[in-house]
Amino acid sequence: MKILFSSYAYAPSIGGIETVSALLAREFLAAGHDLVLLTETAGSIAQTEPFPIVRNPTLPQLHQKLRWCDVMLYNNISLRHLIPALFTRKPLLIVHQTWMRNTRGEIGWNDRIKRALMPRVKNVAISEAIARDIGVPSEIIGNPYDDSVFQLLPDTPRDRDIVFVGRLVSDKGVDLLLRAAAFLQQPSLTIIGRGPEEESLRRLARELKLDVTFAGAKSGAELAEMLNRHQLIAIPSRWPEPFGIVALEGIACGCVALGSEEGGLAEAIGPCGPTFPNGDVERLARCLQQLLGDAGLRDQFRAAAPSHLQHFRRSVVAKRYLEILHSLVIPSGAKRSRGIPSRQL
């Protein structure tokens, strides 16, 4: 197939959509398909991907790529890319990565346009929570993690207690984690990430007299090694996370995951750790204390990891997407009439 892959955000930007797009695009290419990636992220970094990337495409560039492709995949909706594509009558697949409303929970005019267009395309939601929010029939496919990087490192000592990975912004709830940790007996805590709240979080850690290491932004093998050193990964988000790739990465590195319960984060954690009510510092503190004090309980959660993670391996997730894309390009009735097995990609 010739796949036109629209990723609203992409490297050098860092985030969940960027990670998922890179993993899926590479898997599609490895499976023998042709691919061009469109993004609205500007960048002057050297081209390192094995496929063409068109940044901020002009309308003529977009029309050219639409004529070239067999099918188009949108990793989150970009109206700038979607509306021209609807006129081509090419098959379209939209992956819904987040809530179709603003941070205050309101549905804006752009969200109303997106919702009106969704019945005309094939839809995938990254969690049951997102599927309920968008309100149209959709496949549910959880996001993949990079299982070639995030895995157990048996020779790495697990000598620290709690790790957080993410942007240092108020929605992520790092201050809640620091306040919860203050109830415990001096746990070792590592904060991985950058953001506008970093200095205020450092001040709070000093006020609470906590053993906190602010490690800055980490990725790839360096991040995997750091995760392998910790007993728990905490995802204390105030807002309902749509999913939670960082939970999968921590679980794959042997951490027990502890996260807030609203949204799709509980689906990412699955049977590999407990959840607590969003914003509840006391419940978070009790969960931390119980997990750090009970090695047998941690072992129970870790034992569930292999079967849970299997659903989110990059090859498994990519295969599910390719099956959907192929069904859009060659409907099942056409496959039967041409004698093509329905499993063939």
C-alpha atoms as a PDB file:
ATOM      1  CA  MET A   1       0.000   0.000   0.000  1.00  0.00           C
ATOM      2  CA  LYS A   2       0.940   3.647  -0.418  1.00  0.00           C
ATOM      3  CA  ILE A   3       0.195   5.196   2.980  1.00  0.00           C
ATOM      4  CA  LEU A   4      -0.016   8.949   3.537  1.00  0.00           C
ATOM      5  CA  PHE A   5       0.557   9.337   7.287  1.00  0.00           C
ATOM      6  CA  SER A   6      -0.528  12.638   8.858  1.00  0.00           C
ATOM      7  CA  SER A   7       0.967  13.301  12.295  1.00  0.00           C
ATOM      8  CA  TYR A   8      -0.006  16.743  13.585  1.00  0.00           C
ATOM      9  CA  ALA A   9       3.100  16.713  15.811  1.00  0.00           C
ATOM     10  CA  TYR A  10       6.401  14.992  15.063  1.00  0.00           C
ATOM     11  CA  ALA A  11      10.103  15.160  15.924  1.00  0.00           C
ATOM     12  CA  PRO A  12      11.925  17.289  16.920  1.00  0.00           C
ATOM     13  CA  SER A  13       8.866  17.885  19.100  1.00  0.00           C
ATOM     14  CA  ILE A  14       8.626  15.364  21.972  1.00  0.00           C
ATOM     15  CA  GLY A  15       5.409  13.713  23.130  1.00  0.00           C
ATOM     16  CA  GLY A  16       3.076  10.746  22.876  1.00  0.00           C
ATOM     17  CA  ILE A  17       1.758  11.444  19.371  1.00  0.00           C
ATOM     18  CA  GLU A  18       5.309  11.912  18.075  1.00  0.00           C
ATOM     19  CA  THR A  19       6.422   8.602  19.625  1.00  0.00           C
ATOM     20  CA  VAL A  20       3.453   6.620  18.317  1.00  0.00           C
ATOM     21  CA  SER A  21       3.767   8.057  14.807  1.00  0.00           C
ATOM     22  CA  ALA A  22       7.460   7.176  14.582  1.00  0.00           C
ATOM     23  CA  LEU A  23       6.922   3.610  15.819  1.00  0.00           C
ATOM     24  CA  LEU A  24       3.987   2.906  13.504  1.00  0.00           C
ATOM     25  CA  ALA A  25       5.553   4.519  10.444  1.00  0.00           C
ATOM     26  CA  ARG A  26       8.733   2.454  10.826  1.00  0.00           C
ATOM     27  CA  GLU A  27       6.717  -0.741  11.291  1.00  0.00           C
ATOM     28  CA  PHE A  28       4.601  -0.015   8.199  1.00  0.00           C
ATOM     29  CA  LEU A  29       7.776   0.511   6.183  1.00  0.00           C
ATOM     30  CA  ALA A  30       9.337  -2.683   7.560  1.00  0.00           C
ATOM     31  CA  ALA A  31       6.207  -4.581   6.458  1.00  0.00           C
ATOM     32  CA  GLY A  32       6.891  -3.541   2.859  1.00  0.00           C
ATOM     33  CA  HIS A  33       4.565  -0.575   2.437  1.00  0.00           C
ATOM     34  CA  ASP A  34       5.426   2.849   0.987  1.00  0.00           C
ATOM     35  CA  LEU A  35       4.921   5.828   3.270  1.00  0.00           C
ATOM     36  CA  VAL A  36       5.107   9.615   3.294  1.00  0.00           C
ATOM     37  CA  LEU A  37       4.644  11.469   6.583  1.00  0.00           C
ATOM     38  CA  LEU A  38       3.000  14.910   6.819  1.00  0.00           C
ATOM     39  CA  THR A  39       3.367  17.072   9.909  1.00  0.00           C
ATOM     40  CA  GLU A  40       2.714  20.614  11.059  1.00  0.00           C
ATOM     41  CA  THR A  41       5.830  20.533  13.239  1.00  0.00           C
ATOM     42  CA  ALA A  42       8.592  22.678  11.812  1.00  0.00           C
ATOM     43  CA  GLY A  43      12.158  21.479  12.129  1.00  0.00           C
ATOM     44  CA  SER A  44      15.603  21.776  10.649  1.00  0.00           C
ATOM     45  CA  ILE A  45      16.985  18.533  12.049  1.00  0.00           C
ATOM     46  CA  ALA A  46      18.829  16.200   9.709  1.00  0.00           C
ATOM     47  CA  GLN A  47      16.616  13.649   7.979  1.00  0.00           C
ATOM     48  CA  THR A  48      17.121  10.385   9.879  1.00  0.00           C
ATOM     49  CA  GLU A  49      13.875   8.559   9.080  1.00  0.00           C
ATOM     50  CA  PRO A  50      13.776   6.001   6.251  1.00  0.00           C
ATOM     51  CA  PHE A  51      10.715   7.719   4.730  1.00  0.00           C
ATOM     52  CA  PRO A  52      10.024  11.225   3.348  1.00  0.00           C
ATOM     53  CA  ILE A  53       8.729  13.861   5.767  1.00  0.00           C
ATOM     54  CA  VAL A  54       6.819  16.894   4.450  1.00  0.00           C
ATOM     55  CA  ARG A  55       6.599  19.666   7.049  1.00  0.00           C
ATOM     56  CA  ASN A  56       3.792  22.242   6.887  1.00  0.00           C
ATOM     57  CA  PRO A  57       2.735  21.103   3.406  1.00  0.00           C
ATOM     58  CA  THR A  58       1.303  23.659   1.041  1.00  0.00           C
ATOM     59  CA  LEU A  59      -2.081  22.927  -0.538  1.00  0.00           C
ATOM     60  CA  PRO A  60      -0.449  21.882  -3.856  1.00  0.00           C
ATOM     61  CA  GLN A  61       1.924  19.552  -1.973  1.00  0.00           C
ATOM     62  CA  LEU A  62      -0.985  18.051  -0.071  1.00  0.00           C
ATOM     63  CA  HIS A  63      -2.990  17.452  -3.264  1.00  0.00           C
ATOM     64  CA  GLN A  64       0.044  15.824  -4.877  1.00  0.00           C
ATOM     65  CA  LYS A  65       0.508  13.413  -1.974  1.00  0.00           C
ATOM     66  CA  LEU A  66      -3.221  12.665  -1.862  1.00  0.00           C
ATOM     67  CA  ARG A  67      -3.151  11.670  -5.538  1.00  0.00           C
ATOM     68  CA  TRP A  68      -0.156   9.427  -4.828  1.00  0.00           C
ATOM     69  CA  CYS A  69      -1.535   7.497  -1.862  1.00  0.00           C
ATOM     70  CA  ASP A  70      -3.911   4.527  -1.599  1.00  0.00           C
ATOM     71  CA  VAL A  71      -5.044   5.392   1.924  1.00  0.00           C
ATOM     72  CA  MET A  72      -4.498   8.122   4.484  1.00  0.00           C
ATOM     73  CA  LEU A  73      -3.990   7.717   8.230  1.00  0.00           C
ATOM     74  CA  TYR A  74      -4.394  10.656  10.599  1.00  0.00           C
ATOM     75  CA  ASN A  75      -2.707  10.237  13.970  1.00  0.00           C
ATOM     76  CA  ASN A  76      -5.049  12.770  15.585  1.00  0.00           C
ATOM     77  CA  ILE A  77      -7.172  15.067  13.458  1.00  0.00           C
ATOM     78  CA  SER A  78      -5.707  17.992  11.574  1.00  0.00           C
ATOM     79  CA  LEU A  79      -8.528  19.851   9.830  1.00  0.00           C
ATOM     80  CA  ARG A  80      -5.933  21.486   7.587  1.00  0.00           C
ATOM     81  CA  HIS A  81      -5.035  18.044   6.221  1.00  0.00           C
ATOM     82  CA  LEU A  82      -8.407  16.336   6.580  1.00  0.00           C
ATOM     83  CA  ILE A  83     -10.788  18.650   4.721  1.00  0.00           C
ATOM     84  CA  PRO A  84      -8.878  18.528   1.384  1.00  0.00           C
ATOM     85  CA  ALA A  85      -8.604  14.742   1.726  1.00  0.00           C
ATOM     86  CA  LEU A  86     -12.374  14.338   2.030  1.00  0.00           C
ATOM     87  CA  PHE A  87     -12.786  15.701  -1.499  1.00  0.00           C
ATOM     88  CA  THR A  88     -10.451  13.052  -2.977  1.00  0.00           C
ATOM     89  CA  ARG A  89     -12.648  10.144  -1.839  1.00  0.00           C
ATOM     90  CA  LYS A  90      -9.546   8.286  -0.746  1.00  0.00           C
ATOM     91  CA  PRO A  91     -10.127   5.968   2.242  1.00  0.00           C
ATOM     92  CA  LEU A  92      -9.346   7.721   5.526  1.00  0.00           C
ATOM     93  CA  LEU A  93      -8.523   6.374   8.995  1.00  0.00           C
ATOM     94  CA  ILE A  94      -8.470   8.727  11.982  1.00  0.00           C
ATOM     95  CA  VAL A  95      -6.732   7.778  15.244  1.00  0.00           C
ATOM     96  CA  HIS A  96      -8.164   9.735  18.173  1.00  0.00           C
ATOM     97  CA  GLN A  97      -5.371  10.411  20.655  1.00  0.00           C
ATOM     98  CA  THR A  98      -7.093  12.818  23.018  1.00  0.00           C
ATOM     99  CA  TRP A  99     -10.366  14.374  24.122  1.00  0.00           C
ATOM    100  CA  MET A 100     -12.294  16.296  21.495  1.00  0.00           C
ATOM    101  CA  ARG A 101     -12.799  19.296  23.758  1.00  0.00           C
ATOM    102  CA  ASN A 102     -10.604  22.005  25.288  1.00  0.00           C
ATOM    103  CA  THR A 103      -8.816  21.836  28.647  1.00  0.00           C
ATOM    104  CA  ARG A 104     -11.887  23.332  30.381  1.00  0.00           C
ATOM    105  CA  GLY A 105     -14.044  20.493  29.040  1.00  0.00           C
ATOM    106  CA  GLU A 106     -15.865  22.710  26.534  1.00  0.00           C
ATOM    107  CA  ILE A 107     -16.573  21.687  22.930  1.00  0.00           C
ATOM    108  CA  GLY A 108     -15.352  24.490  20.651  1.00  0.00           C
ATOM    109  CA  TRP A 109     -16.293  25.257  17.065  1.00  0.00           C
ATOM    110  CA  ASN A 110     -13.340  23.283  15.694  1.00  0.00           C
ATOM    111  CA  ASP A 111     -14.338  20.281  17.810  1.00  0.00           C
ATOM    112  CA  ARG A 112     -17.881  20.497  16.413  1.00  0.00           C
ATOM    113  CA  ILE A 113     -16.529  20.404  12.865  1.00  0.00           C
ATOM    114  CA  LYS A 114     -14.391  17.369  13.698  1.00  0.00           C
ATOM    115  CA  ARG A 115     -17.330  15.571  15.315  1.00  0.00           C
ATOM    116  CA  ALA A 116     -19.511  16.278  12.273  1.00  0.00           C
ATOM    117  CA  LEU A 117     -16.893  14.763   9.947  1.00  0.00           C
ATOM    118  CA  MET A 118     -16.175  11.597  11.951  1.00  0.00           C
ATOM    119  CA  PRO A 119     -19.110   9.506  10.634  1.00  0.00           C
ATOM    120  CA  ARG A 120     -17.630   9.863   7.124  1.00  0.00           C
ATOM    121  CA  VAL A 121     -14.357   8.089   8.000  1.00  0.00           C
ATOM    122  CA  LYS A 122     -13.045   5.014   9.806  1.00  0.00           C
ATOM    123  CA  ASN A 123     -12.219   5.776  13.452  1.00  0.00           C
ATOM    124  CA  VAL A 124      -9.800   4.301  15.983  1.00  0.00           C
ATOM    125  CA  ALA A 125      -9.686   5.331  19.666  1.00  0.00           C
ATOM    126  CA  ILE A 126      -6.608   4.713  21.804  1.00  0.00           C
ATOM    127  CA  SER A 127      -8.697   3.772  24.852  1.00  0.00           C
ATOM    128  CA  GLU A 128     -12.247   2.900  25.805  1.00  0.00           C
ATOM    129  CA  ALA A 129     -12.427   6.269  27.564  1.00  0.00           C
ATOM    130  CA  ILE A 130     -11.660   8.125  24.321  1.00  0.00           C
ATOM    131  CA  ALA A 131     -14.114   5.920  22.394  1.00  0.00           C
ATOM    132  CA  ARG A 132     -16.886   6.922  24.788  1.00  0.00           C
ATOM    133  CA  ASP A 133     -15.957  10.580  24.429  1.00  0.00           C
ATOM    134  CA  ILE A 134     -15.999  10.732  20.627  1.00  0.00           C
ATOM    135  CA  GLY A 135     -19.370   8.990  20.480  1.00  0.00           C
ATOM    136  CA  VAL A 136     -19.100   7.266  17.087  1.00  0.00           C
ATOM    137  CA  PRO A 137     -18.360   3.601  16.305  1.00  0.00           C
ATOM    138  CA  SER A 138     -14.616   3.042  16.565  1.00  0.00           C
ATOM    139  CA  GLU A 139     -12.013   0.338  16.919  1.00  0.00           C
ATOM    140  CA  ILE A 140     -10.038   0.493  20.180  1.00  0.00           C
ATOM    141  CA  ILE A 141      -6.278   0.079  19.752  1.00  0.00           C
ATOM    142  CA  GLY A 142      -4.006   1.079  22.623  1.00  0.00           C
ATOM    143  CA  ASN A 143      -0.832   2.946  21.770  1.00  0.00           C
ATOM    144  CA  PRO A 144       2.409   1.002  21.297  1.00  0.00           C
ATOM    145  CA  TYR A 145       5.648   1.347  23.234  1.00  0.00           C
ATOM    146  CA  ASP A 146       9.145   0.662  21.918  1.00  0.00           C
ATOM    147  CA  ASP A 147       9.793  -2.860  23.196  1.00  0.00           C
ATOM    148  CA  SER A 148      13.258  -2.879  21.600  1.00  0.00           C
ATOM    149  CA  VAL A 149      14.336  -0.185  24.104  1.00  0.00           C
ATOM    150  CA  PHE A 150      12.111  -0.498  27.164  1.00  0.00           C
ATOM    151  CA  GLN A 151      12.795  -3.878  28.723  1.00  0.00           C
ATOM    152  CA  LEU A 152      14.227  -5.470  31.843  1.00  0.00           C
ATOM    153  CA  LEU A 153      17.964  -5.006  32.442  1.00  0.00           C
ATOM    154  CA  PRO A 154      18.802  -7.766  34.964  1.00  0.00           C
ATOM    155  CA  ASP A 155      22.245  -6.371  35.806  1.00  0.00           C
ATOM    156  CA  THR A 156      20.894  -2.933  36.752  1.00  0.00           C
ATOM    157  CA  PRO A 157      20.389  -2.547  40.524  1.00  0.00           C
ATOM    158  CA  ARG A 158      16.857  -1.467  41.493  1.00  0.00           C
ATOM    159  CA  ASP A 159      18.134   0.873  44.193  1.00  0.00           C
ATOM    160  CA  ARG A 160      15.673   3.778  44.079  1.00  0.00           C
ATOM    161  CA  ASP A 161      12.024   4.044  45.051  1.00  0.00           C
ATOM    162  CA  ILE A 162       9.847   6.269  42.856  1.00  0.00           C
ATOM    163  CA  VAL A 163      10.246   7.783  39.389  1.00  0.00           C
ATOM    164  CA  PHE A 164       8.145  10.302  37.471  1.00  0.00           C
ATOM    165  CA  VAL A 165       8.569  10.863  33.704  1.00  0.00           C
ATOM    166  CA  GLY A 166       6.845  13.684  31.859  1.00  0.00           C
ATOM    167  CA  ARG A 167       6.520  17.412  31.282  1.00  0.00           C
ATOM    168  CA  LEU A 168       6.773  19.534  34.407  1.00  0.00           C
ATOM    169  CA  VAL A 169       3.414  21.273  34.100  1.00  0.00           C
ATOM    170  CA  SER A 170       0.587  21.531  36.614  1.00  0.00           C
ATOM    171  CA  ASP A 171      -1.683  19.046  34.794  1.00  0.00           C
ATOM    172  CA  LYS A 172       0.851  16.256  35.381  1.00  0.00           C
ATOM    173  CA  GLY A 173       0.527  16.553  39.167  1.00  0.00           C
ATOM    174  CA  VAL A 174       4.196  16.376  40.157  1.00  0.00           C
ATOM    175  CA  ASP A 175       3.496  18.673  43.111  1.00  0.00           C
ATOM    176  CA  LEU A 176       0.909  16.149  44.318  1.00  0.00           C
ATOM    177  CA  LEU A 177       3.546  13.434  44.160  1.00  0.00           C
ATOM    178  CA  LEU A 178       5.989  15.528  46.202  1.00  0.00           C
ATOM    179  CA  ARG A 179       3.361  16.251  48.842  1.00  0.00           C
ATOM    180  CA  ALA A 180       2.405  12.575  49.015  1.00  0.00           C
ATOM    181  CA  ALA A 181       6.055  11.544  49.334  1.00  0.00           C
ATOM    182  CA  ALA A 182       6.372  13.872  52.345  1.00  0.00           C
ATOM    183  CA  PHE A 183       4.071  11.514  54.282  1.00  0.00           C
ATOM    184  CA  LEU A 184       6.544   8.650  53.834  1.00  0.00           C
ATOM    185  CA  GLN A 185       9.867   7.815  55.457  1.00  0.00           C
ATOM    186  CA  GLN A 186      12.266   9.651  53.138  1.00  0.00           C
ATOM    187  CA  PRO A 187      11.701   7.748  49.881  1.00  0.00           C
ATOM    188  CA  SER A 188      14.152   8.366  47.042  1.00  0.00           C
ATOM    189  CA  LEU A 189      12.381  10.134  44.195  1.00  0.00           C
ATOM    190  CA  THR A 190      13.554  10.891  40.641  1.00  0.00           C
ATOM    191  CA  ILE A 191      11.854  13.491  38.456  1.00  0.00           C
ATOM    192  CA  ILE A 192      12.630  13.044  34.746  1.00  0.00           C
ATOM    193  CA  GLY A 193      11.517  15.826  32.421  1.00  0.00           C
ATOM    194  CA  ARG A 194      11.548  19.557  31.809  1.00  0.00           C
ATOM    195  CA  GLY A 195       8.884  22.221  31.925  1.00  0.00           C
ATOM    196  CA  PRO A 196       7.811  25.626  33.220  1.00  0.00           C
ATOM    197  CA  GLU A 197       7.040  24.306  36.713  1.00  0.00           C
ATOM    198  CA  GLU A 198      10.556  22.959  37.354  1.00  0.00           C
ATOM    199  CA  GLU A 199      11.800  25.778  39.580  1.00  0.00           C
ATOM    200  CA  SER A 200       8.640  25.834  41.724  1.00  0.00           C
ATOM    201  CA  LEU A 201       8.852  22.045  42.103  1.00  0.00           C
ATOM    202  CA  ARG A 202      12.484  22.308  43.198  1.00  0.00           C
ATOM    203  CA  ARG A 203      11.462  24.872  45.842  1.00  0.00           C
ATOM    204  CA  LEU A 204       8.646  22.615  47.042  1.00  0.00           C
ATOM    205  CA  ALA A 205      11.024  19.636  47.317  1.00  0.00           C
ATOM    206  CA  ARG A 206      13.405  21.739  49.435  1.00  0.00           C
ATOM    207  CA  GLU A 207      10.561  22.963  51.673  1.00  0.00           C
ATOM    208  CA  LEU A 208       9.387  19.383  52.221  1.00  0.00           C
ATOM    209  CA  LYS A 209      12.987  18.198  52.830  1.00  0.00           C
ATOM    210  CA  LEU A 210      12.660  15.398  50.294  1.00  0.00           C
ATOM    211  CA  ASP A 211      15.356  13.258  48.655  1.00  0.00           C
ATOM    212  CA  VAL A 212      14.596  14.292  45.060  1.00  0.00           C
ATOM    213  CA  THR A 213      16.807  14.088  41.988  1.00  0.00           C
ATOM    214  CA  PHE A 214      15.754  16.326  39.096  1.00  0.00           C
ATOM    215  CA  ALA A 215      17.334  14.455  36.197  1.00  0.00           C
ATOM    216  CA  GLY A 216      16.209  16.608  33.255  1.00  0.00           C
ATOM    217  CA  ALA A 217      14.858  15.184  30.002  1.00  0.00           C
ATOM    218  CA  LYS A 218      15.885  11.615  29.145  1.00  0.00           C
ATOM    219  CA  SER A 219      14.958   9.290  26.322  1.00  0.00           C
ATOM    220  CA  GLY A 220      15.836   5.985  24.703  1.00  0.00           C
ATOM    221  CA  ALA A 221      18.301   3.632  26.338  1.00  0.00           C
ATOM    222  CA  GLU A 222      19.277   6.184  28.987  1.00  0.00           C
ATOM    223  CA  LEU A 223      15.659   6.503  30.114  1.00  0.00           C
ATOM    224  CA  ALA A 224      15.208   2.706  30.098  1.00  0.00           C
ATOM    225  CA  GLU A 225      18.265   2.274  32.326  1.00  0.00           C
ATOM    226  CA  MET A 226      16.934   4.850  34.798  1.00  0.00           C
ATOM    227  CA  LEU A 227      13.500   3.219  34.901  1.00  0.00           C
ATOM    228  CA  ASN A 228      15.125  -0.127  35.667  1.00  0.00           C
ATOM    229  CA  ARG A 229      16.614   1.419  38.804  1.00  0.00           C
ATOM    230  CA  HIS A 230      13.213   2.218  40.376  1.00  0.00           C
ATOM    231  CA  GLN A 231      10.580   0.183  42.198  1.00  0.00           C
ATOM    232  CA  LEU A 232       7.600   2.342  41.182  1.00  0.00           C
ATOM    233  CA  ILE A 233       6.634   4.687  38.362  1.00  0.00           C
ATOM    234  CA  ALA A 234       4.083   7.301  39.427  1.00  0.00           C
ATOM    235  CA  ILE A 235       1.735   9.035  36.965  1.00  0.00           C
ATOM    236  CA  PRO A 236      -0.217  11.402  39.265  1.00  0.00           C
ATOM    237  CA  SER A 237      -1.967  13.482  36.588  1.00  0.00           C
ATOM    238  CA  ARG A 238      -4.638  15.929  37.635  1.00  0.00           C
ATOM    239  CA  TRP A 239      -6.364  15.767  34.257  1.00  0.00           C
ATOM    240  CA  PRO A 240      -7.799  12.540  32.816  1.00  0.00           C
ATOM    241  CA  GLU A 241      -4.997  11.125  30.680  1.00  0.00           C
ATOM    242  CA  PRO A 242      -6.287   9.733  27.354  1.00  0.00           C
ATOM    243  CA  PHE A 243      -3.878   6.764  27.672  1.00  0.00           C
ATOM    244  CA  GLY A 244      -0.331   6.548  29.070  1.00  0.00           C
ATOM    245  CA  ILE A 245       2.644   5.258  27.065  1.00  0.00           C
ATOM    246  CA  VAL A 246       4.972   6.192  29.916  1.00  0.00           C
ATOM    247  CA  ALA A 247       3.156   3.665  32.104  1.00  0.00           C
ATOM    248  CA  LEU A 248       3.880   0.925  29.552  1.00  0.00           C
ATOM    249  CA  GLU A 249       7.548   1.967  29.365  1.00  0.00           C
ATOM    250  CA  GLY A 250       7.878   1.822  33.150  1.00  0.00           C
ATOM    251  CA  ILE A 251       6.088  -1.525  33.410  1.00  0.00           C
ATOM    252  CA  ALA A 252       8.326  -2.981  30.679  1.00  0.00           C
ATOM    253  CA  CYS A 253      11.353  -1.903  32.735  1.00  0.00           C
ATOM    254  CA  GLY A 254      10.095  -3.675  35.862  1.00  0.00           C
ATOM    255  CA  CYS A 255       8.383  -0.792  37.660  1.00  0.00           C
ATOM    256  CA  VAL A 256       5.039  -1.178  39.369  1.00  0.00           C
ATOM    257  CA  ALA A 257       2.813   1.563  37.909  1.00  0.00           C
ATOM    258  CA  LEU A 258       0.679   3.835  40.072  1.00  0.00           C
ATOM    259  CA  GLY A 259      -1.561   6.347  38.321  1.00  0.00           C
ATOM    260  CA  SER A 260      -4.674   8.501  38.590  1.00  0.00           C
ATOM    261  CA  GLU A 261      -7.828   6.617  37.709  1.00  0.00           C
ATOM    262  CA  GLU A 262      -9.797   8.887  35.356  1.00  0.00           C
ATOM    263  CA  GLY A 263      -9.506   8.669  31.586  1.00  0.00           C
ATOM    264  CA  GLY A 264      -7.530   5.949  29.800  1.00  0.00           C
ATOM    265  CA  LEU A 265      -4.516   5.736  32.112  1.00  0.00           C
ATOM    266  CA  ALA A 266      -6.056   2.850  34.067  1.00  0.00           C
ATOM    267  CA  GLU A 267      -6.308   0.912  30.778  1.00  0.00           C
ATOM    268  CA  ALA A 268      -2.596   1.433  30.111  1.00  0.00           C
ATOM    269  CA  ILE A 269      -1.681   0.313  33.653  1.00  0.00           C
ATOM    270  CA  GLY A 270      -4.063  -2.651  33.538  1.00  0.00           C
ATOM    271  CA  PRO A 271      -3.243  -5.353  36.122  1.00  0.00           C
ATOM    272  CA  CYS A 272       0.287  -4.003  36.636  1.00  0.00           C
ATOM    273  CA  GLY A 273      -0.466  -1.542  39.430  1.00  0.00           C
ATOM    274  CA  PRO A 274      -3.158   0.325  41.368  1.00  0.00           C
ATOM    275  CA  THR A 275      -4.884   3.634  40.679  1.00  0.00           C
ATOM    276  CA  PHE A 276      -6.106   6.441  42.944  1.00  0.00           C
ATOM    277  CA  PRO A 277      -8.647   9.286  42.546  1.00  0.00           C
ATOM    278  CA  ASN A 278      -7.256  12.203  40.558  1.00  0.00           C
ATOM    279  CA  GLY A 279      -5.865  14.918  42.843  1.00  0.00           C
ATOM    280  CA  ASP A 280      -6.194  12.885  46.071  1.00  0.00           C
ATOM    281  CA  VAL A 281      -2.835  13.333  47.846  1.00  0.00           C
ATOM    282  CA  GLU A 282      -3.751  11.195  50.863  1.00  0.00           C
ATOM    283  CA  ARG A 283      -4.811   8.216  48.729  1.00  0.00           C
ATOM    284  CA  LEU A 284      -1.682   8.610  46.623  1.00  0.00           C
ATOM    285  CA  ALA A 285       0.456   8.596  49.781  1.00  0.00           C
ATOM    286  CA  ARG A 286      -1.266   5.460  51.097  1.00  0.00           C
ATOM    287  CA  CYS A 287      -0.729   3.653  47.785  1.00  0.00           C
ATOM    288  CA  LEU A 288       2.954   4.623  47.725  1.00  0.00           C
ATOM    289  CA  GLN A 289       3.431   3.483  51.303  1.00  0.00           C
ATOM    290  CA  GLN A 290       1.719   0.146  50.699  1.00  0.00           C
ATOM    291  CA  LEU A 291       3.682  -0.607  47.534  1.00  0.00           C
ATOM    292  CA  LEU A 292       7.067   0.381  48.947  1.00  0.00           C
ATOM    293  CA  GLY A 293       6.435  -1.607  52.112  1.00  0.00           C
ATOM    294  CA  ASP A 294       5.237  -4.845  50.501  1.00  0.00           C
ATOM    295  CA  ALA A 295       7.679  -6.613  48.167  1.00  0.00           C
ATOM    296  CA  GLY A 296       5.228  -9.490  47.677  1.00  0.00           C
ATOM    297  CA  LEU A 297       2.557  -7.110  46.382  1.00  0.00           C
ATOM    298  CA  ARG A 298       5.046  -5.558  43.973  1.00  0.00           C
ATOM    299  CA  ASP A 299       5.940  -9.032  42.710  1.00  0.00           C
ATOM    300  CA  GLN A 300       2.249  -9.786  42.066  1.00  0.00           C
ATOM    301  CA  PHE A 301       1.886  -6.689  39.909  1.00  0.00           C
ATOM    302  CA  ARG A 302       5.129  -7.427  38.057  1.00  0.00           C
ATOM    303  CA  ALA A 303       3.985 -10.985  37.307  1.00  0.00           C
ATOM    304  CA  ALA A 304       1.085  -9.564  35.282  1.00  0.00           C
ATOM    305  CA  ALA A 305       3.366  -7.479  33.059  1.00  0.00           C
ATOM    306  CA  PRO A 306       4.300  -9.912  30.226  1.00  0.00           C
ATOM    307  CA  SER A 307       0.741 -10.772  29.201  1.00  0.00           C
ATOM    308  CA  HIS A 308      -0.427  -7.157  29.547  1.00  0.00           C
ATOM    309  CA  LEU A 309       2.455  -5.704  27.531  1.00  0.00           C
ATOM    310  CA  GLN A 310       1.927  -8.183  24.701  1.00  0.00           C
ATOM    311  CA  HIS A 311      -1.087  -6.169  23.526  1.00  0.00           C
ATOM    312  CA  PHE A 312       1.030  -3.014  23.125  1.00  0.00           C
ATOM    313  CA  ARG A 313       4.170  -4.306  21.413  1.00  0.00           C
ATOM    314  CA  ARG A 314       4.875  -2.165  18.357  1.00  0.00           C
ATOM    315  CA  SER A 315       4.628  -5.060  15.879  1.00  0.00           C
ATOM    316  CA  VAL A 316       1.293  -6.206  17.358  1.00  0.00           C
ATOM    317  CA  VAL A 317      -0.232  -2.721  17.240  1.00  0.00           C
ATOM    318  CA  ALA A 318       1.111  -2.027  13.731  1.00  0.00           C
ATOM    319  CA  LYS A 319      -0.382  -5.289  12.463  1.00  0.00           C
ATOM    320  CA  ARG A 320      -3.827  -4.278  13.714  1.00  0.00           C
ATOM    321  CA  TYR A 321      -3.553  -0.927  11.939  1.00  0.00           C
ATOM    322  CA  LEU A 322      -2.387  -2.545   8.705  1.00  0.00           C
ATOM    323  CA  GLU A 323      -5.340  -4.924   8.771  1.00  0.00           C
ATOM    324  CA  ILE A 324      -7.713  -1.953   9.012  1.00  0.00           C
ATOM    325  CA  LEU A 325      -5.899   0.044   6.332  1.00  0.00           C
ATOM    326  CA  HIS A 326      -5.895  -2.925   3.974  1.00  0.00           C
ATOM    327  CA  SER A 327      -9.618  -3.481   4.515  1.00  0.00           C
ATOM    328  CA  LEU A 328     -10.222   0.154   3.550  1.00  0.00           C
ATOM    329  CA  VAL A 329      -8.151  -0.115   0.377  1.00  0.00           C
ATOM    330  CA  ILE A 330      -9.568  -3.497  -0.661  1.00  0.00           C
ATOM    331  CA  PRO A 331     -13.007  -4.148   0.890  1.00  0.00           C
ATOM    332  CA  SER A 332     -13.657  -7.750   1.962  1.00  0.00           C
ATOM    333  CA  GLY A 333     -16.104  -8.382  -0.884  1.00  0.00           C
ATOM    334  CA  ALA A 334     -13.534  -7.291  -3.468  1.00  0.00           C
ATOM    335  CA  LYS A 335     -10.922  -9.546  -1.862  1.00  0.00           C
ATOM    336  CA  ARG A 336     -13.192 -12.567  -2.159  1.00  0.00           C
ATOM    337  CA  SER A 337     -14.064 -11.800  -5.779  1.00  0.00           C
ATOM    338  CA  ARG A 338     -10.371 -11.547  -6.656  1.00  0.00           C
ATOM    339  CA  GLY A 339      -9.473 -14.664  -4.726  1.00  0.00           C
ATOM    340  CA  ILE A 340      -7.363 -12.788  -2.154  1.00  0.00           C
ATOM    341  CA  PRO A 341      -7.386 -14.307   1.368  1.00  0.00           C
ATOM    342  CA  SER A 342      -8.879 -11.801   3.831  1.00  0.00           C
ATOM    343  CA  ARG A 343      -5.838 -12.190   6.156  1.00  0.00           C
ATOM    344  CA  GLN A 344      -3.366 -11.151   3.486  1.00  0.00           C
ATOM    345  CA  LEU A 345      -1.688  -7.761   3.868  1.00  0.00           C
END
